[in-house]
Amino acid sequence: MTAPPVHKTFKLYINGKFPRSESGRTLPLFDPKQKSEIPLTQIARGSRKDVRDAAQAARKAFAGWSAAVPLLRGQILHRMAELLDSRGREFEEYLTFYCGATPARAEAEVEAAADRLLWYAGWCDKLAQLYGTVNPVVGPYFNFSMPEPTGVVCAFAPPKPALLGLVSLLAPILVPGNTVVCVVPLEAAPIAVTLAEVCATSDLPAGVLNIVTGDPDELMPHASVHREFDGNFLVSSQAEVVRDIEAAAANHVKRQLTVPAHAPAWWHKSDAQDVRWMQAFLEIKTAWHTMGQ
């Protein structure tokens, strides 16, 4: 007798744990390749309180992650890339089954995502050299400029490409020492939660990365105005959405980075990995020190 398959439950990822939504709500995810009234799975539908809990976890984790030695952050991101690659077959199956990708495209996306994580991991211990400097001043002083992370960033992930798009947003936020809450749409939820499992087993401290899945139209208005966030990273070409998110960022003095929505093929290009995406969530601290006699 063959045992029935055990279907995976896709929950949220908050503070290093996988809770259900506090409301108990779920959203059905249907087969993208064919019309069917039977859903493939149920996705946790995050609420306003879930966003708040994730923001508080990210704020609590910020002190430790931002103070970590840059080399250590790079090693952790490198470990994430290793684990992502080792679970590549699983990601490929999910991209095909839940996102409708062809096997060839799924394989290419997993490979590109692992490579992108490695690319960003190498920047962790180089930001100080890139953005820091010794400033020439008149007087018996040393004047240094040094990069520091902005704080807690809210990222709004694109539905496609589910894995590569998500990695492309999260990595440049994490490299400088920021923590992140990522709002993920229904279509990309299985991939995002599986990536969270990779993060949970790669020594990434609890609370550094948090995933809230659900309906972006419901979550965006709350997340964009939440005072716990110091920045927003938005991928969208919808003029009304961009206007509302950027207006909320300006009103709360948040850092804002907006990237237009592109076809999945664009995310495989070098344009989708940019040091300016890290720079968007950096602050430059200037310090003065007297010269010794």
C-alpha atoms as a PDB file:
ATOM      1  CA  MET A   1       0.000   0.000   0.000  1.00  0.00           C
ATOM      2  CA  THR A   2       1.427   3.347  -1.081  1.00  0.00           C
ATOM      3  CA  ALA A   3       1.382   6.073   1.553  1.00  0.00           C
ATOM      4  CA  PRO A   4      -0.359   9.324   0.531  1.00  0.00           C
ATOM      5  CA  PRO A   5       1.964  12.247  -0.212  1.00  0.00           C
ATOM      6  CA  VAL A   6       2.600  14.757   2.547  1.00  0.00           C
ATOM      7  CA  HIS A   7       1.975  18.184   1.086  1.00  0.00           C
ATOM      8  CA  LYS A   8       4.202  20.990   2.266  1.00  0.00           C
ATOM      9  CA  THR A   9       2.687  23.811   4.315  1.00  0.00           C
ATOM     10  CA  PHE A  10       4.052  27.239   3.418  1.00  0.00           C
ATOM     11  CA  LYS A  11       4.038  29.511   6.452  1.00  0.00           C
ATOM     12  CA  LEU A  12       5.598  32.855   7.277  1.00  0.00           C
ATOM     13  CA  TYR A  13       9.200  33.318   8.399  1.00  0.00           C
ATOM     14  CA  ILE A  14       9.527  35.696  11.347  1.00  0.00           C
ATOM     15  CA  ASN A  15      12.347  35.924  13.880  1.00  0.00           C
ATOM     16  CA  GLY A  16      13.890  32.644  12.773  1.00  0.00           C
ATOM     17  CA  LYS A  17      10.629  30.700  13.115  1.00  0.00           C
ATOM     18  CA  PHE A  18       7.885  29.562  10.746  1.00  0.00           C
ATOM     19  CA  PRO A  19       4.566  30.689  12.273  1.00  0.00           C
ATOM     20  CA  ARG A  20       1.155  30.703  10.688  1.00  0.00           C
ATOM     21  CA  SER A  21      -0.463  34.070  10.156  1.00  0.00           C
ATOM     22  CA  GLU A  22      -1.838  35.421  13.413  1.00  0.00           C
ATOM     23  CA  SER A  23      -5.229  35.680  11.699  1.00  0.00           C
ATOM     24  CA  GLY A  24      -5.187  32.030  10.647  1.00  0.00           C
ATOM     25  CA  ARG A  25      -6.027  33.036   7.081  1.00  0.00           C
ATOM     26  CA  THR A  26      -4.647  31.367   3.958  1.00  0.00           C
ATOM     27  CA  LEU A  27      -4.737  31.996   0.213  1.00  0.00           C
ATOM     28  CA  PRO A  28      -5.098  29.231  -2.402  1.00  0.00           C
ATOM     29  CA  LEU A  29      -2.384  28.922  -5.031  1.00  0.00           C
ATOM     30  CA  PHE A  30      -3.643  27.438  -8.287  1.00  0.00           C
ATOM     31  CA  ASP A  31      -1.754  25.760 -11.109  1.00  0.00           C
ATOM     32  CA  PRO A  32      -0.385  28.515 -13.390  1.00  0.00           C
ATOM     33  CA  LYS A  33      -0.322  26.155 -16.380  1.00  0.00           C
ATOM     34  CA  GLN A  34      -3.969  25.149 -16.453  1.00  0.00           C
ATOM     35  CA  LYS A  35      -7.353  26.206 -15.167  1.00  0.00           C
ATOM     36  CA  SER A  36      -8.380  24.194 -12.148  1.00  0.00           C
ATOM     37  CA  GLU A  37     -10.681  24.717  -9.201  1.00  0.00           C
ATOM     38  CA  ILE A  38      -8.436  22.599  -6.992  1.00  0.00           C
ATOM     39  CA  PRO A  39      -5.509  24.604  -5.541  1.00  0.00           C
ATOM     40  CA  LEU A  40      -1.985  23.261  -5.524  1.00  0.00           C
ATOM     41  CA  THR A  41      -1.440  24.443  -1.962  1.00  0.00           C
ATOM     42  CA  GLN A  42      -2.471  26.994   0.628  1.00  0.00           C
ATOM     43  CA  ILE A  43      -0.248  29.986   1.427  1.00  0.00           C
ATOM     44  CA  ALA A  44      -0.255  31.818   4.750  1.00  0.00           C
ATOM     45  CA  ARG A  45      -1.973  35.184   4.289  1.00  0.00           C
ATOM     46  CA  GLY A  46       0.036  37.660   6.320  1.00  0.00           C
ATOM     47  CA  SER A  47      -1.730  40.464   8.171  1.00  0.00           C
ATOM     48  CA  ARG A  48      -0.917  43.909   9.484  1.00  0.00           C
ATOM     49  CA  LYS A  49       0.080  42.382  12.814  1.00  0.00           C
ATOM     50  CA  ASP A  50       2.403  39.923  11.072  1.00  0.00           C
ATOM     51  CA  VAL A  51       4.168  42.858   9.410  1.00  0.00           C
ATOM     52  CA  ARG A  52       4.481  44.530  12.808  1.00  0.00           C
ATOM     53  CA  ASP A  53       5.895  41.380  14.405  1.00  0.00           C
ATOM     54  CA  ALA A  54       8.397  40.996  11.559  1.00  0.00           C
ATOM     55  CA  ALA A  55       9.444  44.650  11.840  1.00  0.00           C
ATOM     56  CA  GLN A  56      10.028  44.319  15.570  1.00  0.00           C
ATOM     57  CA  ALA A  57      12.095  41.162  15.050  1.00  0.00           C
ATOM     58  CA  ALA A  58      14.180  42.904  12.391  1.00  0.00           C
ATOM     59  CA  ARG A  59      14.763  45.900  14.652  1.00  0.00           C
ATOM     60  CA  LYS A  60      15.891  43.681  17.501  1.00  0.00           C
ATOM     61  CA  ALA A  61      18.308  41.802  15.229  1.00  0.00           C
ATOM     62  CA  PHE A  62      19.774  44.951  13.675  1.00  0.00           C
ATOM     63  CA  ALA A  63      22.285  45.723  16.441  1.00  0.00           C
ATOM     64  CA  GLY A  64      23.976  42.336  16.223  1.00  0.00           C
ATOM     65  CA  TRP A  65      23.943  42.004  12.436  1.00  0.00           C
ATOM     66  CA  SER A  66      25.212  45.540  11.768  1.00  0.00           C
ATOM     67  CA  ALA A  67      28.004  45.089  14.322  1.00  0.00           C
ATOM     68  CA  ALA A  68      29.102  41.740  12.893  1.00  0.00           C
ATOM     69  CA  VAL A  69      32.515  41.660  11.241  1.00  0.00           C
ATOM     70  CA  PRO A  70      32.004  42.215   7.482  1.00  0.00           C
ATOM     71  CA  LEU A  71      33.979  39.067   6.727  1.00  0.00           C
ATOM     72  CA  LEU A  72      31.509  37.070   8.837  1.00  0.00           C
ATOM     73  CA  ARG A  73      28.536  38.529   6.971  1.00  0.00           C
ATOM     74  CA  GLY A  74      30.216  37.534   3.728  1.00  0.00           C
ATOM     75  CA  GLN A  75      30.798  34.000   4.983  1.00  0.00           C
ATOM     76  CA  ILE A  76      27.144  33.652   5.959  1.00  0.00           C
ATOM     77  CA  LEU A  77      25.941  34.878   2.554  1.00  0.00           C
ATOM     78  CA  HIS A  78      28.425  32.504   0.945  1.00  0.00           C
ATOM     79  CA  ARG A  79      26.976  29.675   3.015  1.00  0.00           C
ATOM     80  CA  MET A  80      23.483  30.670   1.863  1.00  0.00           C
ATOM     81  CA  ALA A  81      24.649  30.380  -1.745  1.00  0.00           C
ATOM     82  CA  GLU A  82      26.119  26.942  -1.045  1.00  0.00           C
ATOM     83  CA  LEU A  83      22.914  25.656   0.532  1.00  0.00           C
ATOM     84  CA  LEU A  84      20.774  27.166  -2.216  1.00  0.00           C
ATOM     85  CA  ASP A  85      22.899  25.377  -4.788  1.00  0.00           C
ATOM     86  CA  SER A  86      22.798  22.090  -2.852  1.00  0.00           C
ATOM     87  CA  ARG A  87      18.975  22.262  -2.816  1.00  0.00           C
ATOM     88  CA  GLY A  88      18.896  23.319  -6.452  1.00  0.00           C
ATOM     89  CA  ARG A  89      16.832  20.344  -7.621  1.00  0.00           C
ATOM     90  CA  GLU A  90      14.130  21.164  -5.070  1.00  0.00           C
ATOM     91  CA  PHE A  91      14.028  24.816  -6.158  1.00  0.00           C
ATOM     92  CA  GLU A  92      13.844  23.757  -9.794  1.00  0.00           C
ATOM     93  CA  GLU A  93      10.878  21.505  -9.066  1.00  0.00           C
ATOM     94  CA  TYR A  94       9.067  24.273  -7.183  1.00  0.00           C
ATOM     95  CA  LEU A  95       9.734  26.818  -9.919  1.00  0.00           C
ATOM     96  CA  THR A  96       8.275  24.388 -12.436  1.00  0.00           C
ATOM     97  CA  PHE A  97       5.350  23.200 -10.340  1.00  0.00           C
ATOM     98  CA  TYR A  98       4.246  26.399  -8.593  1.00  0.00           C
ATOM     99  CA  CYS A  99       5.517  29.128 -10.920  1.00  0.00           C
ATOM    100  CA  GLY A 100       5.039  27.535 -14.324  1.00  0.00           C
ATOM    101  CA  ALA A 101       8.681  27.760 -15.415  1.00  0.00           C
ATOM    102  CA  THR A 102      10.082  25.319 -17.942  1.00  0.00           C
ATOM    103  CA  PRO A 103      12.731  22.916 -16.585  1.00  0.00           C
ATOM    104  CA  ALA A 104      15.461  24.713 -18.538  1.00  0.00           C
ATOM    105  CA  ARG A 105      14.445  28.139 -17.232  1.00  0.00           C
ATOM    106  CA  ALA A 106      14.129  26.828 -13.685  1.00  0.00           C
ATOM    107  CA  GLU A 107      17.640  25.378 -13.819  1.00  0.00           C
ATOM    108  CA  ALA A 108      19.045  28.637 -15.204  1.00  0.00           C
ATOM    109  CA  GLU A 109      17.288  30.677 -12.526  1.00  0.00           C
ATOM    110  CA  VAL A 110      18.628  28.589  -9.642  1.00  0.00           C
ATOM    111  CA  GLU A 111      22.158  28.806 -11.022  1.00  0.00           C
ATOM    112  CA  ALA A 112      21.862  32.582 -11.499  1.00  0.00           C
ATOM    113  CA  ALA A 113      20.476  33.055  -7.979  1.00  0.00           C
ATOM    114  CA  ALA A 114      23.370  31.168  -6.384  1.00  0.00           C
ATOM    115  CA  ASP A 115      25.883  33.125  -8.471  1.00  0.00           C
ATOM    116  CA  ARG A 116      24.265  36.419  -7.460  1.00  0.00           C
ATOM    117  CA  LEU A 117      24.475  35.564  -3.780  1.00  0.00           C
ATOM    118  CA  LEU A 118      28.153  34.780  -4.216  1.00  0.00           C
ATOM    119  CA  TRP A 119      28.703  38.083  -6.042  1.00  0.00           C
ATOM    120  CA  TYR A 120      27.161  40.080  -3.209  1.00  0.00           C
ATOM    121  CA  ALA A 121      28.891  38.001  -0.537  1.00  0.00           C
ATOM    122  CA  GLY A 122      32.214  39.173  -1.905  1.00  0.00           C
ATOM    123  CA  TRP A 123      31.266  42.815  -1.328  1.00  0.00           C
ATOM    124  CA  CYS A 124      30.753  42.533   2.429  1.00  0.00           C
ATOM    125  CA  ASP A 125      34.353  43.284   3.369  1.00  0.00           C
ATOM    126  CA  LYS A 126      34.941  45.777   0.550  1.00  0.00           C
ATOM    127  CA  LEU A 127      32.285  48.437   1.183  1.00  0.00           C
ATOM    128  CA  ALA A 128      34.520  50.419   3.543  1.00  0.00           C
ATOM    129  CA  GLN A 129      37.182  50.677   0.828  1.00  0.00           C
ATOM    130  CA  LEU A 130      34.608  51.604  -1.813  1.00  0.00           C
ATOM    131  CA  TYR A 131      32.617  54.224   0.090  1.00  0.00           C
ATOM    132  CA  GLY A 132      34.989  55.204   2.902  1.00  0.00           C
ATOM    133  CA  THR A 133      37.772  57.757   2.612  1.00  0.00           C
ATOM    134  CA  VAL A 134      40.128  60.059   4.464  1.00  0.00           C
ATOM    135  CA  ASN A 135      39.040  63.621   3.697  1.00  0.00           C
ATOM    136  CA  PRO A 136      41.563  66.424   3.234  1.00  0.00           C
ATOM    137  CA  VAL A 137      40.928  69.197   5.786  1.00  0.00           C
ATOM    138  CA  VAL A 138      42.724  72.338   6.856  1.00  0.00           C
ATOM    139  CA  GLY A 139      43.918  71.982  10.424  1.00  0.00           C
ATOM    140  CA  PRO A 140      45.531  69.458  12.760  1.00  0.00           C
ATOM    141  CA  TYR A 141      42.766  66.870  12.341  1.00  0.00           C
ATOM    142  CA  PHE A 142      42.055  63.560  10.688  1.00  0.00           C
ATOM    143  CA  ASN A 143      38.654  63.405   8.979  1.00  0.00           C
ATOM    144  CA  PHE A 144      37.239  60.012   8.064  1.00  0.00           C
ATOM    145  CA  SER A 145      34.094  59.055   6.148  1.00  0.00           C
ATOM    146  CA  MET A 146      32.796  55.530   6.810  1.00  0.00           C
ATOM    147  CA  PRO A 147      29.735  53.650   5.497  1.00  0.00           C
ATOM    148  CA  GLU A 148      27.128  52.378   7.959  1.00  0.00           C
ATOM    149  CA  PRO A 149      23.861  50.476   7.365  1.00  0.00           C
ATOM    150  CA  THR A 150      20.611  52.428   7.247  1.00  0.00           C
ATOM    151  CA  GLY A 151      18.642  50.095   9.528  1.00  0.00           C
ATOM    152  CA  VAL A 152      15.520  48.025   8.862  1.00  0.00           C
ATOM    153  CA  VAL A 153      14.409  47.852   5.220  1.00  0.00           C
ATOM    154  CA  CYS A 154      11.072  46.678   3.830  1.00  0.00           C
ATOM    155  CA  ALA A 155      11.398  44.960   0.452  1.00  0.00           C
ATOM    156  CA  PHE A 156       8.474  44.338  -1.897  1.00  0.00           C
ATOM    157  CA  ALA A 157       9.416  41.329  -4.024  1.00  0.00           C
ATOM    158  CA  PRO A 158       8.308  40.811  -7.644  1.00  0.00           C
ATOM    159  CA  PRO A 159       6.147  37.773  -8.490  1.00  0.00           C
ATOM    160  CA  LYS A 160       8.572  36.710 -11.247  1.00  0.00           C
ATOM    161  CA  PRO A 161      11.285  35.580 -11.330  1.00  0.00           C
ATOM    162  CA  ALA A 162      10.362  34.211  -7.931  1.00  0.00           C
ATOM    163  CA  LEU A 163      13.826  33.101  -6.800  1.00  0.00           C
ATOM    164  CA  LEU A 164      16.241  35.330  -8.713  1.00  0.00           C
ATOM    165  CA  GLY A 165      14.130  38.435  -8.133  1.00  0.00           C
ATOM    166  CA  LEU A 166      13.956  37.745  -4.405  1.00  0.00           C
ATOM    167  CA  VAL A 167      17.703  37.107  -4.066  1.00  0.00           C
ATOM    168  CA  SER A 168      18.450  40.239  -6.098  1.00  0.00           C
ATOM    169  CA  LEU A 169      16.499  42.344  -3.580  1.00  0.00           C
ATOM    170  CA  LEU A 170      17.588  40.714  -0.342  1.00  0.00           C
ATOM    171  CA  ALA A 171      21.342  40.410  -0.925  1.00  0.00           C
ATOM    172  CA  PRO A 172      22.165  44.126  -1.413  1.00  0.00           C
ATOM    173  CA  ILE A 173      20.157  44.957   1.707  1.00  0.00           C
ATOM    174  CA  LEU A 174      21.912  42.376   3.880  1.00  0.00           C
ATOM    175  CA  VAL A 175      25.484  43.039   2.705  1.00  0.00           C
ATOM    176  CA  PRO A 176      25.995  46.392   4.517  1.00  0.00           C
ATOM    177  CA  GLY A 177      24.414  45.100   7.741  1.00  0.00           C
ATOM    178  CA  ASN A 178      20.760  46.055   7.301  1.00  0.00           C
ATOM    179  CA  THR A 179      17.956  43.750   8.393  1.00  0.00           C
ATOM    180  CA  VAL A 180      14.940  43.167   6.184  1.00  0.00           C
ATOM    181  CA  VAL A 181      11.238  42.375   6.114  1.00  0.00           C
ATOM    182  CA  CYS A 182      10.193  41.098   2.692  1.00  0.00           C
ATOM    183  CA  VAL A 183       6.576  41.237   1.543  1.00  0.00           C
ATOM    184  CA  VAL A 184       6.122  38.427  -0.974  1.00  0.00           C
ATOM    185  CA  PRO A 185       3.155  38.002  -3.346  1.00  0.00           C
ATOM    186  CA  LEU A 186       1.196  34.774  -3.528  1.00  0.00           C
ATOM    187  CA  GLU A 187       2.851  33.512  -6.729  1.00  0.00           C
ATOM    188  CA  ALA A 188       6.370  33.623  -5.263  1.00  0.00           C
ATOM    189  CA  ALA A 189       5.495  32.427  -1.752  1.00  0.00           C
ATOM    190  CA  PRO A 190       6.598  28.759  -2.064  1.00  0.00           C
ATOM    191  CA  ILE A 191      10.006  29.844  -3.339  1.00  0.00           C
ATOM    192  CA  ALA A 192      10.397  32.550  -0.675  1.00  0.00           C
ATOM    193  CA  VAL A 193       9.554  30.238   2.217  1.00  0.00           C
ATOM    194  CA  THR A 194      11.913  27.572   0.874  1.00  0.00           C
ATOM    195  CA  LEU A 195      14.655  30.216   0.637  1.00  0.00           C
ATOM    196  CA  ALA A 196      13.869  31.080   4.260  1.00  0.00           C
ATOM    197  CA  GLU A 197      14.649  27.455   5.148  1.00  0.00           C
ATOM    198  CA  VAL A 198      18.052  27.943   3.509  1.00  0.00           C
ATOM    199  CA  CYS A 199      18.619  31.097   5.575  1.00  0.00           C
ATOM    200  CA  ALA A 200      17.544  29.368   8.777  1.00  0.00           C
ATOM    201  CA  THR A 201      20.260  26.723   8.329  1.00  0.00           C
ATOM    202  CA  SER A 202      23.077  29.004   7.145  1.00  0.00           C
ATOM    203  CA  ASP A 203      23.908  30.750  10.460  1.00  0.00           C
ATOM    204  CA  LEU A 204      21.931  33.865   9.512  1.00  0.00           C
ATOM    205  CA  PRO A 205      20.831  35.226  12.919  1.00  0.00           C
ATOM    206  CA  ALA A 206      17.127  35.110  13.749  1.00  0.00           C
ATOM    207  CA  GLY A 207      15.297  38.271  12.759  1.00  0.00           C
ATOM    208  CA  VAL A 208      17.819  39.439  10.156  1.00  0.00           C
ATOM    209  CA  LEU A 209      15.540  38.214   7.365  1.00  0.00           C
ATOM    210  CA  ASN A 210      11.762  37.966   7.716  1.00  0.00           C
ATOM    211  CA  ILE A 211       9.261  36.807   5.078  1.00  0.00           C
ATOM    212  CA  VAL A 212       5.594  37.842   5.100  1.00  0.00           C
ATOM    213  CA  THR A 213       3.540  36.273   2.315  1.00  0.00           C
ATOM    214  CA  GLY A 214       0.063  37.277   1.230  1.00  0.00           C
ATOM    215  CA  ASP A 215      -1.774  39.916  -0.767  1.00  0.00           C
ATOM    216  CA  PRO A 216       0.504  42.887  -1.596  1.00  0.00           C
ATOM    217  CA  ASP A 217      -2.519  45.164  -2.052  1.00  0.00           C
ATOM    218  CA  GLU A 218      -3.403  44.484   1.582  1.00  0.00           C
ATOM    219  CA  LEU A 219       0.107  44.573   3.043  1.00  0.00           C
ATOM    220  CA  MET A 220       1.770  47.399   1.114  1.00  0.00           C
ATOM    221  CA  PRO A 221      -0.264  50.268   2.604  1.00  0.00           C
ATOM    222  CA  HIS A 222       0.605  49.159   6.134  1.00  0.00           C
ATOM    223  CA  ALA A 223       4.244  48.282   5.473  1.00  0.00           C
ATOM    224  CA  SER A 224       5.023  51.472   3.558  1.00  0.00           C
ATOM    225  CA  VAL A 225       3.982  53.718   6.465  1.00  0.00           C
ATOM    226  CA  HIS A 226       5.319  51.594   9.313  1.00  0.00           C
ATOM    227  CA  ARG A 227       7.607  53.749  11.449  1.00  0.00           C
ATOM    228  CA  GLU A 228       9.909  50.832  12.278  1.00  0.00           C
ATOM    229  CA  PHE A 229      11.201  50.740   8.698  1.00  0.00           C
ATOM    230  CA  ASP A 230      14.068  53.008   7.683  1.00  0.00           C
ATOM    231  CA  GLY A 231      13.854  52.243   3.980  1.00  0.00           C
ATOM    232  CA  ASN A 232      11.772  50.667   1.224  1.00  0.00           C
ATOM    233  CA  PHE A 233      12.944  48.634  -1.770  1.00  0.00           C
ATOM    234  CA  LEU A 234      10.146  48.418  -4.332  1.00  0.00           C
ATOM    235  CA  VAL A 235       9.937  46.593  -7.659  1.00  0.00           C
ATOM    236  CA  SER A 236       6.967  47.947  -9.593  1.00  0.00           C
ATOM    237  CA  SER A 237       5.966  49.780 -12.758  1.00  0.00           C
ATOM    238  CA  GLN A 238       2.462  50.591 -11.552  1.00  0.00           C
ATOM    239  CA  ALA A 239       2.427  54.373 -11.382  1.00  0.00           C
ATOM    240  CA  GLU A 240      -0.141  54.531  -8.586  1.00  0.00           C
ATOM    241  CA  VAL A 241       1.712  52.011  -6.411  1.00  0.00           C
ATOM    242  CA  VAL A 242       5.062  53.728  -6.949  1.00  0.00           C
ATOM    243  CA  ARG A 243       3.550  57.125  -6.154  1.00  0.00           C
ATOM    244  CA  ASP A 244       1.964  55.925  -2.919  1.00  0.00           C
ATOM    245  CA  ILE A 245       5.067  54.073  -1.658  1.00  0.00           C
ATOM    246  CA  GLU A 246       7.446  56.917  -2.505  1.00  0.00           C
ATOM    247  CA  ALA A 247       5.099  59.469  -0.916  1.00  0.00           C
ATOM    248  CA  ALA A 248       4.970  57.403   2.271  1.00  0.00           C
ATOM    249  CA  ALA A 249       8.772  57.133   2.282  1.00  0.00           C
ATOM    250  CA  ALA A 250       9.153  60.898   1.888  1.00  0.00           C
ATOM    251  CA  ASN A 251       6.630  61.589   4.626  1.00  0.00           C
ATOM    252  CA  HIS A 252       8.480  59.337   7.084  1.00  0.00           C
ATOM    253  CA  VAL A 253      11.999  60.286   5.908  1.00  0.00           C
ATOM    254  CA  LYS A 254      12.738  56.761   4.688  1.00  0.00           C
ATOM    255  CA  ARG A 255      15.354  55.763   2.150  1.00  0.00           C
ATOM    256  CA  GLN A 256      13.557  54.704  -1.029  1.00  0.00           C
ATOM    257  CA  LEU A 257      14.789  52.643  -3.966  1.00  0.00           C
ATOM    258  CA  THR A 258      12.386  51.861  -6.801  1.00  0.00           C
ATOM    259  CA  VAL A 259      13.240  49.490  -9.648  1.00  0.00           C
ATOM    260  CA  PRO A 260      10.809  49.169 -12.569  1.00  0.00           C
ATOM    261  CA  ALA A 261       9.269  45.766 -13.132  1.00  0.00           C
ATOM    262  CA  HIS A 262      11.051  43.859 -15.894  1.00  0.00           C
ATOM    263  CA  ALA A 263      10.598  40.620 -17.760  1.00  0.00           C
ATOM    264  CA  PRO A 264      12.204  37.614 -16.023  1.00  0.00           C
ATOM    265  CA  ALA A 265      15.039  37.567 -18.565  1.00  0.00           C
ATOM    266  CA  TRP A 266      16.220  41.024 -17.435  1.00  0.00           C
ATOM    267  CA  TRP A 267      17.016  39.735 -13.949  1.00  0.00           C
ATOM    268  CA  HIS A 268      19.652  37.436 -15.401  1.00  0.00           C
ATOM    269  CA  LYS A 269      21.624  40.410 -16.736  1.00  0.00           C
ATOM    270  CA  SER A 270      24.374  42.282 -14.915  1.00  0.00           C
ATOM    271  CA  ASP A 271      22.020  45.293 -14.639  1.00  0.00           C
ATOM    272  CA  ALA A 272      20.172  43.407 -11.894  1.00  0.00           C
ATOM    273  CA  GLN A 273      23.233  43.249  -9.633  1.00  0.00           C
ATOM    274  CA  ASP A 274      24.388  46.736  -8.835  1.00  0.00           C
ATOM    275  CA  VAL A 275      26.561  48.258  -6.121  1.00  0.00           C
ATOM    276  CA  ARG A 276      24.167  51.222  -6.187  1.00  0.00           C
ATOM    277  CA  TRP A 277      21.502  48.954  -4.743  1.00  0.00           C
ATOM    278  CA  MET A 278      23.730  48.522  -1.690  1.00  0.00           C
ATOM    279  CA  GLN A 279      24.564  52.228  -1.638  1.00  0.00           C
ATOM    280  CA  ALA A 280      20.861  53.089  -1.439  1.00  0.00           C
ATOM    281  CA  PHE A 281      20.739  51.680   2.092  1.00  0.00           C
ATOM    282  CA  LEU A 282      24.013  53.060   3.388  1.00  0.00           C
ATOM    283  CA  GLU A 283      24.682  56.107   5.539  1.00  0.00           C
ATOM    284  CA  ILE A 284      28.032  57.874   5.464  1.00  0.00           C
ATOM    285  CA  LYS A 285      29.336  58.715   8.910  1.00  0.00           C
ATOM    286  CA  THR A 286      32.030  61.374   9.226  1.00  0.00           C
ATOM    287  CA  ALA A 287      34.363  61.415  12.223  1.00  0.00           C
ATOM    288  CA  TRP A 288      37.007  63.943  13.297  1.00  0.00           C
ATOM    289  CA  HIS A 289      40.104  63.106  15.302  1.00  0.00           C
ATOM    290  CA  THR A 290      42.921  65.336  16.427  1.00  0.00           C
ATOM    291  CA  MET A 291      46.423  64.643  15.223  1.00  0.00           C
ATOM    292  CA  GLY A 292      48.972  63.590  17.793  1.00  0.00           C
ATOM    293  CA  GLN A 293      51.847  65.896  18.650  1.00  0.00           C
END
